[in-house]
Every structure is written in C-alpha cells, then in structure tokens.
Amino acid sequence: MRERRFMHSPVNDGADLARRTLLAVAVIVPTLAASIPAKSAPMGTAEWPPDLAKAVKDYDQATISNDTETLAGLVAEDYVLVNSDTTVQDKRSYLADFKVPGFRIDPYVMEQPLLKVWDNVALTGGLLRLGWTQDGRHQIRLLRIAHVWARYHARWRIKYTQLTRVPE
C-alpha cells in the first residue's frame, strides 16, 4: 500500500512534504484590493470594494481556522497554486492540506501590500512572514505572495496564487 504523504498533489507527486505544506498554506494570505481603473497602492480595507473586502476577511479567517468548507467556496474550481519551489497544486490538493491533524497556521500580518483591480479581476499581494505548526514543529518563512481574484456571479473567488520565497 502506498504511503499517504502530506500535501499529495496529483500534479506533482515528487514535491518535498514540509516545503509544499508551507507554500500551500501561504495562499491563505489575501492582501489587497480595489478600485477601477487599476491602481497600485497600500490600502486599508475601508477603501476596498465591500464585497472583495468581505471575501478577503472570510478567506483569512477560514485559513487560520482550517475551515475547508468556507475555503472551498472562496477558491475557484480551476484554482492553480504555484509554490515557491515551482510545484503546482489544484483546488483539491490545496484543500486537503488543511485537513491534516495538528496542522495550524499562525495569525499573520501582510506587509508591503500591493493592489490592482480591473472590473471583475483583482490582484492582491504583499510580503508575509508565515508561521505554522506541522508534525509538532513550528516553522517560519518569509514569502512574497500574489493572488488573482475573479468575480463570478457577484462573488469573489481566488483563481491563482504565486509564492516566492524571500532569502533572509
């Protein structure tokens, strides 16, 4: 019988377990939001489109509490996560990571937020010091993250996430 590895991905079975866990979890950190035409600036949630601000808040809370039901509603069916080690995950693989017993993400703060919004598409991102516990060990990584959000039937969903590890 094949051993089940944490963060198993049908897209890339050869990825390092702990590294992929961290990178997938980093997706939890939505960072920015909105105005039309596209703008780039650090922004508070008071300046975000209300529906995007709510989606980001719900996503953050669901990520920290391992609420896969809420995450499933906020992540698009064709979601793609590109981890900082170049591995790729789909929605199913990403959500499975949150069900691993003992896995927890620390509360986080997004630094250097970035924002672009075009009609029904938003790019959010920033710098994140991500801390998490897995297999009884606490780890921390500095990451640059970018999320692409798209509005479907009046609801924002994450379509794509790109992670880049920042050397410390």
N, C-alpha and C. Protein backbone atom coordinates (compact mmCIF):
# COMPACT_ATOMS: atom_id res chain seq x y z
N MET A 1 0.84 -1.17 0.00
CA MET A 1 0.00 0.00 0.00
C MET A 1 0.89 1.24 0.00
N ARG A 2 0.56 2.17 -0.82
CA ARG A 2 1.35 3.39 -0.94
C ARG A 2 1.15 4.28 0.27
N GLU A 3 2.24 4.80 0.79
CA GLU A 3 2.19 5.70 1.96
C GLU A 3 1.56 7.03 1.53
N ARG A 4 0.61 7.52 2.31
CA ARG A 4 -0.01 8.82 2.03
C ARG A 4 0.88 9.91 2.60
N ARG A 5 1.29 10.80 1.76
CA ARG A 5 2.14 11.91 2.18
C ARG A 5 1.32 13.18 2.27
N PHE A 6 1.64 13.99 3.27
CA PHE A 6 1.01 15.28 3.41
C PHE A 6 1.27 16.10 2.16
N MET A 7 0.27 16.83 1.71
CA MET A 7 0.34 17.70 0.54
C MET A 7 0.50 16.90 -0.75
N HIS A 8 -0.06 15.70 -0.77
CA HIS A 8 -0.01 14.92 -2.00
C HIS A 8 -0.68 15.71 -3.11
N SER A 9 -0.06 15.82 -4.21
CA SER A 9 -0.61 16.54 -5.35
C SER A 9 -0.61 15.64 -6.56
N PRO A 10 -1.76 15.51 -7.22
CA PRO A 10 -1.78 14.73 -8.44
C PRO A 10 -0.95 15.41 -9.53
N VAL A 11 -0.69 16.68 -9.39
CA VAL A 11 0.07 17.41 -10.39
C VAL A 11 1.56 17.13 -10.26
N ASN A 12 2.05 16.98 -9.00
CA ASN A 12 3.49 16.77 -8.80
C ASN A 12 3.70 15.94 -7.54
N ASP A 13 3.83 14.63 -7.68
CA ASP A 13 3.98 13.74 -6.53
C ASP A 13 5.36 13.83 -5.89
N GLY A 14 6.35 14.41 -6.55
CA GLY A 14 7.71 14.39 -6.06
C GLY A 14 8.07 15.54 -5.15
N ALA A 15 7.15 16.42 -4.82
CA ALA A 15 7.50 17.61 -4.02
C ALA A 15 7.77 17.26 -2.57
N ASP A 16 8.68 17.99 -1.99
CA ASP A 16 9.02 17.83 -0.57
C ASP A 16 7.80 18.16 0.29
N LEU A 17 7.45 17.30 1.21
CA LEU A 17 6.25 17.41 2.01
C LEU A 17 6.18 18.68 2.83
N ALA A 18 7.12 18.96 3.64
CA ALA A 18 7.07 20.14 4.51
C ALA A 18 7.09 21.43 3.71
N ARG A 19 7.90 21.49 2.70
CA ARG A 19 8.00 22.70 1.88
C ARG A 19 6.68 22.99 1.19
N ARG A 20 6.07 21.98 0.62
CA ARG A 20 4.80 22.17 -0.08
C ARG A 20 3.70 22.55 0.89
N THR A 21 3.76 22.01 2.11
CA THR A 21 2.76 22.38 3.11
C THR A 21 2.82 23.86 3.39
N LEU A 22 3.99 24.35 3.66
CA LEU A 22 4.17 25.77 3.93
C LEU A 22 3.69 26.62 2.78
N LEU A 23 4.08 26.27 1.61
CA LEU A 23 3.75 27.09 0.45
C LEU A 23 2.26 27.09 0.16
N ALA A 24 1.62 25.96 0.30
CA ALA A 24 0.19 25.90 0.07
C ALA A 24 -0.55 26.73 1.10
N VAL A 25 -0.08 26.66 2.31
CA VAL A 25 -0.71 27.40 3.39
C VAL A 25 -0.56 28.90 3.19
N ALA A 26 0.53 29.31 2.60
CA ALA A 26 0.75 30.74 2.39
C ALA A 26 -0.34 31.36 1.54
N VAL A 27 -1.02 30.53 0.81
CA VAL A 27 -2.11 31.02 -0.02
C VAL A 27 -3.17 31.70 0.83
N ILE A 28 -3.20 31.39 2.08
CA ILE A 28 -4.23 31.94 2.94
C ILE A 28 -4.19 33.43 3.09
N VAL A 29 -3.15 34.03 2.64
CA VAL A 29 -2.96 35.42 2.98
C VAL A 29 -3.37 36.34 1.86
N PRO A 30 -4.61 36.68 1.80
CA PRO A 30 -5.01 37.69 0.83
C PRO A 30 -4.55 39.05 1.33
N THR A 31 -4.30 39.95 0.42
CA THR A 31 -3.63 41.15 0.86
C THR A 31 -4.18 42.47 0.40
N LEU A 32 -4.74 42.54 -0.73
CA LEU A 32 -5.03 43.84 -1.27
C LEU A 32 -6.40 43.94 -1.85
N ALA A 33 -6.72 45.10 -2.37
CA ALA A 33 -7.94 45.22 -3.12
C ALA A 33 -8.00 46.52 -3.87
N ALA A 34 -8.90 47.15 -4.19
CA ALA A 34 -9.59 47.55 -5.34
C ALA A 34 -9.91 48.97 -5.67
N SER A 35 -9.89 49.26 -6.90
CA SER A 35 -10.56 50.40 -7.50
C SER A 35 -10.41 50.30 -9.00
N ILE A 36 -11.19 51.04 -9.71
CA ILE A 36 -11.16 50.99 -11.16
C ILE A 36 -10.96 52.41 -11.65
N PRO A 37 -10.08 52.70 -12.56
CA PRO A 37 -9.14 51.79 -13.20
C PRO A 37 -8.10 51.26 -12.23
N ALA A 38 -7.25 50.38 -12.74
CA ALA A 38 -6.26 49.72 -11.89
C ALA A 38 -5.40 50.74 -11.17
N LYS A 39 -5.12 50.44 -9.89
CA LYS A 39 -4.25 51.28 -9.07
C LYS A 39 -3.28 50.39 -8.34
N SER A 40 -2.15 50.96 -7.95
CA SER A 40 -1.20 50.28 -7.10
C SER A 40 -0.95 51.16 -5.90
N ALA A 41 -1.27 50.66 -4.71
CA ALA A 41 -1.03 51.44 -3.51
C ALA A 41 -1.35 50.60 -2.30
N PRO A 42 -0.66 50.87 -1.17
CA PRO A 42 -1.10 50.25 0.07
C PRO A 42 -2.47 50.79 0.40
N MET A 43 -3.40 49.93 0.76
CA MET A 43 -4.76 50.38 1.02
C MET A 43 -5.32 49.68 2.24
N GLY A 44 -6.12 50.39 3.00
CA GLY A 44 -6.85 49.80 4.10
C GLY A 44 -8.13 49.19 3.58
N THR A 45 -8.72 48.29 4.34
CA THR A 45 -9.93 47.62 3.87
C THR A 45 -11.09 48.59 3.69
N ALA A 46 -11.04 49.76 4.33
CA ALA A 46 -12.11 50.75 4.16
C ALA A 46 -12.17 51.23 2.71
N GLU A 47 -11.08 51.14 1.97
CA GLU A 47 -11.01 51.59 0.58
C GLU A 47 -11.29 50.47 -0.41
N TRP A 48 -11.43 49.25 0.05
CA TRP A 48 -11.67 48.12 -0.83
C TRP A 48 -13.13 48.09 -1.24
N PRO A 49 -13.43 47.52 -2.40
CA PRO A 49 -14.84 47.23 -2.70
C PRO A 49 -15.37 46.35 -1.58
N PRO A 50 -16.53 46.66 -1.04
CA PRO A 50 -17.04 45.92 0.13
C PRO A 50 -17.11 44.41 -0.07
N ASP A 51 -17.52 43.95 -1.25
CA ASP A 51 -17.63 42.50 -1.46
C ASP A 51 -16.26 41.82 -1.51
N LEU A 52 -15.24 42.49 -2.04
CA LEU A 52 -13.90 41.93 -2.04
C LEU A 52 -13.31 41.93 -0.63
N ALA A 53 -13.52 43.01 0.10
CA ALA A 53 -13.04 43.08 1.49
C ALA A 53 -13.63 41.95 2.32
N LYS A 54 -14.92 41.66 2.13
CA LYS A 54 -15.56 40.57 2.86
C LYS A 54 -14.97 39.22 2.46
N ALA A 55 -14.75 39.01 1.17
CA ALA A 55 -14.17 37.75 0.70
C ALA A 55 -12.77 37.54 1.29
N VAL A 56 -11.96 38.60 1.31
CA VAL A 56 -10.61 38.50 1.85
C VAL A 56 -10.66 38.20 3.35
N LYS A 57 -11.53 38.89 4.07
CA LYS A 57 -11.67 38.65 5.51
C LYS A 57 -12.12 37.21 5.78
N ASP A 58 -13.11 36.74 5.03
CA ASP A 58 -13.60 35.36 5.19
C ASP A 58 -12.50 34.35 4.87
N TYR A 59 -11.72 34.64 3.84
CA TYR A 59 -10.63 33.75 3.44
C TYR A 59 -9.56 33.68 4.54
N ASP A 60 -9.16 34.83 5.07
CA ASP A 60 -8.18 34.86 6.16
C ASP A 60 -8.66 34.04 7.36
N GLN A 61 -9.90 34.28 7.77
CA GLN A 61 -10.44 33.58 8.94
C GLN A 61 -10.53 32.07 8.69
N ALA A 62 -10.99 31.69 7.52
CA ALA A 62 -11.12 30.26 7.19
C ALA A 62 -9.75 29.58 7.15
N THR A 63 -8.75 30.29 6.68
CA THR A 63 -7.41 29.72 6.60
C THR A 63 -6.84 29.47 7.98
N ILE A 64 -6.97 30.43 8.86
CA ILE A 64 -6.43 30.29 10.21
C ILE A 64 -7.19 29.24 11.02
N SER A 65 -8.47 29.07 10.74
CA SER A 65 -9.26 28.10 11.50
C SER A 65 -9.41 26.75 10.77
N ASN A 66 -8.70 26.56 9.65
CA ASN A 66 -8.77 25.32 8.87
C ASN A 66 -10.21 24.98 8.44
N ASP A 67 -10.96 26.00 8.09
CA ASP A 67 -12.36 25.85 7.68
C ASP A 67 -12.41 25.54 6.18
N THR A 68 -12.30 24.27 5.84
CA THR A 68 -12.24 23.88 4.43
C THR A 68 -13.56 24.11 3.69
N GLU A 69 -14.67 24.10 4.40
CA GLU A 69 -15.96 24.35 3.74
C GLU A 69 -16.01 25.79 3.22
N THR A 70 -15.61 26.75 4.05
CA THR A 70 -15.58 28.15 3.60
C THR A 70 -14.53 28.35 2.51
N LEU A 71 -13.35 27.75 2.71
CA LEU A 71 -12.30 27.87 1.69
C LEU A 71 -12.77 27.31 0.34
N ALA A 72 -13.48 26.21 0.37
CA ALA A 72 -13.96 25.61 -0.88
C ALA A 72 -14.86 26.57 -1.65
N GLY A 73 -15.62 27.40 -0.94
CA GLY A 73 -16.47 28.37 -1.60
C GLY A 73 -15.74 29.60 -2.10
N LEU A 74 -14.55 29.85 -1.57
CA LEU A 74 -13.79 31.03 -1.95
C LEU A 74 -12.70 30.74 -2.98
N VAL A 75 -12.40 29.47 -3.22
CA VAL A 75 -11.37 29.07 -4.17
C VAL A 75 -12.08 28.54 -5.42
N ALA A 76 -11.72 29.08 -6.58
CA ALA A 76 -12.34 28.67 -7.84
C ALA A 76 -12.07 27.19 -8.14
N GLU A 77 -12.97 26.57 -8.88
CA GLU A 77 -12.82 25.15 -9.23
C GLU A 77 -11.54 24.90 -10.02
N ASP A 78 -11.14 25.85 -10.85
CA ASP A 78 -9.93 25.68 -11.67
C ASP A 78 -8.72 26.37 -11.04
N TYR A 79 -8.72 26.51 -9.73
CA TYR A 79 -7.65 27.17 -8.99
C TYR A 79 -6.29 26.53 -9.26
N VAL A 80 -5.26 27.38 -9.33
CA VAL A 80 -3.88 26.94 -9.51
C VAL A 80 -3.02 27.65 -8.48
N LEU A 81 -2.24 26.87 -7.73
CA LEU A 81 -1.27 27.39 -6.78
C LEU A 81 0.12 27.02 -7.27
N VAL A 82 0.96 28.03 -7.51
CA VAL A 82 2.35 27.78 -7.88
C VAL A 82 3.18 28.09 -6.65
N ASN A 83 3.75 27.04 -6.07
CA ASN A 83 4.55 27.16 -4.86
C ASN A 83 5.94 27.73 -5.18
N SER A 84 6.61 28.21 -4.15
CA SER A 84 7.92 28.82 -4.36
C SER A 84 8.99 27.81 -4.78
N ASP A 85 8.70 26.53 -4.66
CA ASP A 85 9.62 25.50 -5.15
C ASP A 85 9.27 25.04 -6.56
N THR A 86 8.37 25.75 -7.21
CA THR A 86 7.87 25.53 -8.57
C THR A 86 6.86 24.40 -8.70
N THR A 87 6.50 23.74 -7.61
CA THR A 87 5.45 22.72 -7.69
C THR A 87 4.11 23.42 -7.87
N VAL A 88 3.16 22.65 -8.39
CA VAL A 88 1.83 23.18 -8.71
C VAL A 88 0.78 22.34 -8.00
N GLN A 89 -0.23 23.02 -7.44
CA GLN A 89 -1.35 22.31 -6.82
C GLN A 89 -2.66 22.80 -7.42
N ASP A 90 -3.66 21.93 -7.37
CA ASP A 90 -5.01 22.30 -7.77
C ASP A 90 -5.85 22.50 -6.51
N LYS A 91 -7.13 22.80 -6.69
CA LYS A 91 -8.02 23.08 -5.56
C LYS A 91 -8.11 21.90 -4.60
N ARG A 92 -8.31 20.71 -5.13
CA ARG A 92 -8.47 19.53 -4.28
C ARG A 92 -7.25 19.31 -3.40
N SER A 93 -6.09 19.39 -3.98
CA SER A 93 -4.84 19.19 -3.25
C SER A 93 -4.64 20.28 -2.19
N TYR A 94 -4.91 21.51 -2.57
CA TYR A 94 -4.78 22.64 -1.65
C TYR A 94 -5.69 22.47 -0.43
N LEU A 95 -6.95 22.13 -0.65
CA LEU A 95 -7.89 21.96 0.47
C LEU A 95 -7.53 20.78 1.36
N ALA A 96 -6.99 19.72 0.78
CA ALA A 96 -6.61 18.53 1.56
C ALA A 96 -5.55 18.88 2.61
N ASP A 97 -4.70 19.82 2.32
CA ASP A 97 -3.65 20.21 3.26
C ASP A 97 -4.20 20.69 4.60
N PHE A 98 -5.33 21.35 4.58
CA PHE A 98 -5.93 21.90 5.80
C PHE A 98 -6.57 20.83 6.69
N LYS A 99 -6.72 19.63 6.18
CA LYS A 99 -7.35 18.55 6.95
C LYS A 99 -6.35 17.68 7.69
N VAL A 100 -5.08 17.95 7.54
CA VAL A 100 -4.05 17.15 8.20
C VAL A 100 -4.08 17.44 9.71
N PRO A 101 -4.22 16.41 10.55
CA PRO A 101 -4.28 16.62 12.00
C PRO A 101 -3.04 17.35 12.53
N GLY A 102 -3.29 18.31 13.41
CA GLY A 102 -2.20 19.05 14.04
C GLY A 102 -1.65 20.20 13.22
N PHE A 103 -2.15 20.39 12.01
CA PHE A 103 -1.66 21.48 11.18
C PHE A 103 -2.36 22.78 11.58
N ARG A 104 -1.61 23.82 11.84
CA ARG A 104 -2.14 25.13 12.24
C ARG A 104 -1.29 26.24 11.67
N ILE A 105 -1.94 27.30 11.19
CA ILE A 105 -1.26 28.50 10.72
C ILE A 105 -1.39 29.57 11.78
N ASP A 106 -0.28 30.26 12.03
CA ASP A 106 -0.28 31.36 13.00
C ASP A 106 -1.02 32.57 12.41
N PRO A 107 -1.59 33.41 13.29
CA PRO A 107 -2.10 34.70 12.78
C PRO A 107 -0.95 35.44 12.09
N TYR A 108 -1.28 36.22 11.08
CA TYR A 108 -0.25 36.84 10.26
C TYR A 108 -0.59 38.30 9.96
N VAL A 109 0.41 39.03 9.51
CA VAL A 109 0.25 40.42 9.10
C VAL A 109 0.87 40.57 7.71
N MET A 110 0.12 41.14 6.79
CA MET A 110 0.64 41.37 5.44
C MET A 110 1.41 42.69 5.44
N GLU A 111 2.63 42.64 4.98
CA GLU A 111 3.45 43.84 4.86
C GLU A 111 3.58 44.21 3.38
N GLN A 112 3.90 45.44 3.12
CA GLN A 112 4.11 45.94 1.76
C GLN A 112 2.98 45.53 0.81
N PRO A 113 1.73 45.80 1.21
CA PRO A 113 0.61 45.37 0.37
C PRO A 113 0.63 46.01 -1.02
N LEU A 114 0.16 45.24 -2.00
CA LEU A 114 0.04 45.69 -3.39
C LEU A 114 -1.40 45.50 -3.83
N LEU A 115 -1.83 46.28 -4.81
CA LEU A 115 -3.21 46.19 -5.27
C LEU A 115 -3.35 46.58 -6.73
N LYS A 116 -4.13 45.79 -7.46
CA LYS A 116 -4.58 46.12 -8.81
C LYS A 116 -5.99 45.57 -8.93
N VAL A 117 -6.89 46.37 -9.50
CA VAL A 117 -8.25 45.89 -9.75
C VAL A 117 -8.69 46.35 -11.14
N TRP A 118 -9.22 45.41 -11.91
CA TRP A 118 -9.77 45.69 -13.23
C TRP A 118 -11.16 45.07 -13.27
N ASP A 119 -12.16 45.87 -13.26
CA ASP A 119 -13.55 45.38 -13.32
C ASP A 119 -13.77 44.18 -12.39
N ASN A 120 -13.79 42.98 -12.96
CA ASN A 120 -14.09 41.77 -12.19
C ASN A 120 -12.86 40.93 -11.86
N VAL A 121 -11.67 41.52 -11.92
CA VAL A 121 -10.43 40.82 -11.58
C VAL A 121 -9.63 41.71 -10.64
N ALA A 122 -9.06 41.09 -9.60
CA ALA A 122 -8.22 41.83 -8.66
C ALA A 122 -6.95 41.05 -8.40
N LEU A 123 -5.85 41.78 -8.28
CA LEU A 123 -4.57 41.20 -7.90
C LEU A 123 -4.25 41.74 -6.51
N THR A 124 -4.05 40.82 -5.56
CA THR A 124 -3.68 41.22 -4.20
C THR A 124 -2.37 40.54 -3.86
N GLY A 125 -1.59 41.15 -2.98
CA GLY A 125 -0.33 40.53 -2.62
C GLY A 125 0.44 41.34 -1.61
N GLY A 126 1.60 40.87 -1.29
CA GLY A 126 2.46 41.55 -0.34
C GLY A 126 3.55 40.63 0.16
N LEU A 127 4.12 41.03 1.28
CA LEU A 127 5.18 40.29 1.93
C LEU A 127 4.61 39.68 3.21
N LEU A 128 4.89 38.42 3.45
CA LEU A 128 4.29 37.71 4.55
C LEU A 128 5.33 36.87 5.29
N ARG A 129 5.39 37.03 6.59
CA ARG A 129 6.19 36.12 7.42
C ARG A 129 5.20 35.08 7.92
N LEU A 130 5.23 33.92 7.28
CA LEU A 130 4.26 32.86 7.56
C LEU A 130 4.80 31.90 8.60
N GLY A 131 4.05 31.74 9.68
CA GLY A 131 4.38 30.76 10.70
C GLY A 131 3.31 29.69 10.75
N TRP A 132 3.73 28.43 10.99
CA TRP A 132 2.78 27.33 11.06
C TRP A 132 3.36 26.21 11.89
N THR A 133 2.46 25.36 12.36
CA THR A 133 2.85 24.17 13.11
C THR A 133 2.42 22.95 12.32
N GLN A 134 3.34 22.01 12.18
CA GLN A 134 3.07 20.76 11.46
C GLN A 134 3.91 19.68 12.11
N ASP A 135 3.31 18.54 12.36
CA ASP A 135 4.01 17.41 12.97
C ASP A 135 4.72 17.83 14.26
N GLY A 136 4.09 18.73 15.04
CA GLY A 136 4.64 19.16 16.32
C GLY A 136 5.78 20.14 16.22
N ARG A 137 6.16 20.55 15.01
CA ARG A 137 7.26 21.51 14.83
C ARG A 137 6.73 22.83 14.32
N HIS A 138 7.24 23.91 14.88
CA HIS A 138 6.86 25.25 14.43
C HIS A 138 7.90 25.74 13.42
N GLN A 139 7.43 26.33 12.31
CA GLN A 139 8.32 26.83 11.27
C GLN A 139 7.88 28.23 10.85
N ILE A 140 8.82 28.98 10.29
CA ILE A 140 8.53 30.33 9.81
C ILE A 140 9.28 30.54 8.49
N ARG A 141 8.60 31.19 7.54
CA ARG A 141 9.22 31.53 6.26
C ARG A 141 8.78 32.93 5.84
N LEU A 142 9.67 33.64 5.16
CA LEU A 142 9.33 34.93 4.58
C LEU A 142 8.99 34.70 3.12
N LEU A 143 7.79 35.13 2.72
CA LEU A 143 7.30 34.89 1.37
C LEU A 143 6.75 36.16 0.74
N ARG A 144 6.90 36.27 -0.56
CA ARG A 144 6.18 37.26 -1.36
C ARG A 144 5.03 36.48 -1.98
N ILE A 145 3.81 37.04 -1.88
CA ILE A 145 2.64 36.32 -2.36
C ILE A 145 1.80 37.20 -3.28
N ALA A 146 1.21 36.60 -4.29
CA ALA A 146 0.27 37.29 -5.18
C ALA A 146 -0.92 36.37 -5.42
N HIS A 147 -2.12 36.94 -5.24
CA HIS A 147 -3.37 36.22 -5.51
C HIS A 147 -4.09 36.92 -6.66
N VAL A 148 -4.69 36.14 -7.54
CA VAL A 148 -5.59 36.69 -8.56
C VAL A 148 -6.99 36.28 -8.16
N TRP A 149 -7.84 37.28 -7.92
CA TRP A 149 -9.24 37.08 -7.58
C TRP A 149 -10.09 37.41 -8.80
N ALA A 150 -11.17 36.66 -9.02
CA ALA A 150 -12.11 36.95 -10.10
C ALA A 150 -13.52 36.94 -9.52
N ARG A 151 -14.34 37.85 -10.00
CA ARG A 151 -15.73 37.91 -9.53
C ARG A 151 -16.59 37.05 -10.45
N TYR A 152 -17.24 36.03 -9.87
CA TYR A 152 -18.15 35.12 -10.57
C TYR A 152 -19.53 35.29 -9.97
N HIS A 153 -20.52 35.55 -10.79
CA HIS A 153 -21.89 35.66 -10.30
C HIS A 153 -21.95 36.48 -9.01
N ALA A 154 -21.32 37.65 -9.04
CA ALA A 154 -21.32 38.61 -7.93
C ALA A 154 -20.57 38.12 -6.69
N ARG A 155 -19.71 37.11 -6.82
CA ARG A 155 -18.90 36.62 -5.68
C ARG A 155 -17.44 36.54 -6.10
N TRP A 156 -16.54 37.02 -5.23
CA TRP A 156 -15.11 36.95 -5.49
C TRP A 156 -14.58 35.57 -5.11
N ARG A 157 -13.71 35.01 -6.01
CA ARG A 157 -13.05 33.73 -5.76
C ARG A 157 -11.59 33.83 -6.19
N ILE A 158 -10.74 33.10 -5.51
CA ILE A 158 -9.33 33.07 -5.87
C ILE A 158 -9.14 32.07 -7.01
N LYS A 159 -8.48 32.53 -8.09
CA LYS A 159 -8.21 31.69 -9.25
C LYS A 159 -6.76 31.21 -9.29
N TYR A 160 -5.83 32.03 -8.76
CA TYR A 160 -4.42 31.74 -8.95
C TYR A 160 -3.62 32.35 -7.80
N THR A 161 -2.61 31.63 -7.34
CA THR A 161 -1.69 32.14 -6.32
C THR A 161 -0.27 31.82 -6.75
N GLN A 162 0.62 32.80 -6.58
CA GLN A 162 2.05 32.62 -6.87
C GLN A 162 2.81 32.97 -5.60
N LEU A 163 3.72 32.08 -5.17
CA LEU A 163 4.54 32.28 -3.98
C LEU A 163 6.00 32.34 -4.37
N THR A 164 6.73 33.26 -3.74
CA THR A 164 8.16 33.36 -3.94
C THR A 164 8.82 33.45 -2.58
N ARG A 165 9.74 32.58 -2.30
CA ARG A 165 10.47 32.62 -1.03
C ARG A 165 11.49 33.73 -1.07
N VAL A 166 11.51 34.54 -0.02
CA VAL A 166 12.44 35.66 0.10
C VAL A 166 13.64 35.21 0.91
N PRO A 167 14.84 35.32 0.37
CA PRO A 167 16.03 34.94 1.15
C PRO A 167 16.16 35.85 2.37
N GLU A 168 16.55 35.25 3.49
CA GLU A 168 16.70 36.04 4.72
C GLU A 168 18.16 36.13 5.10
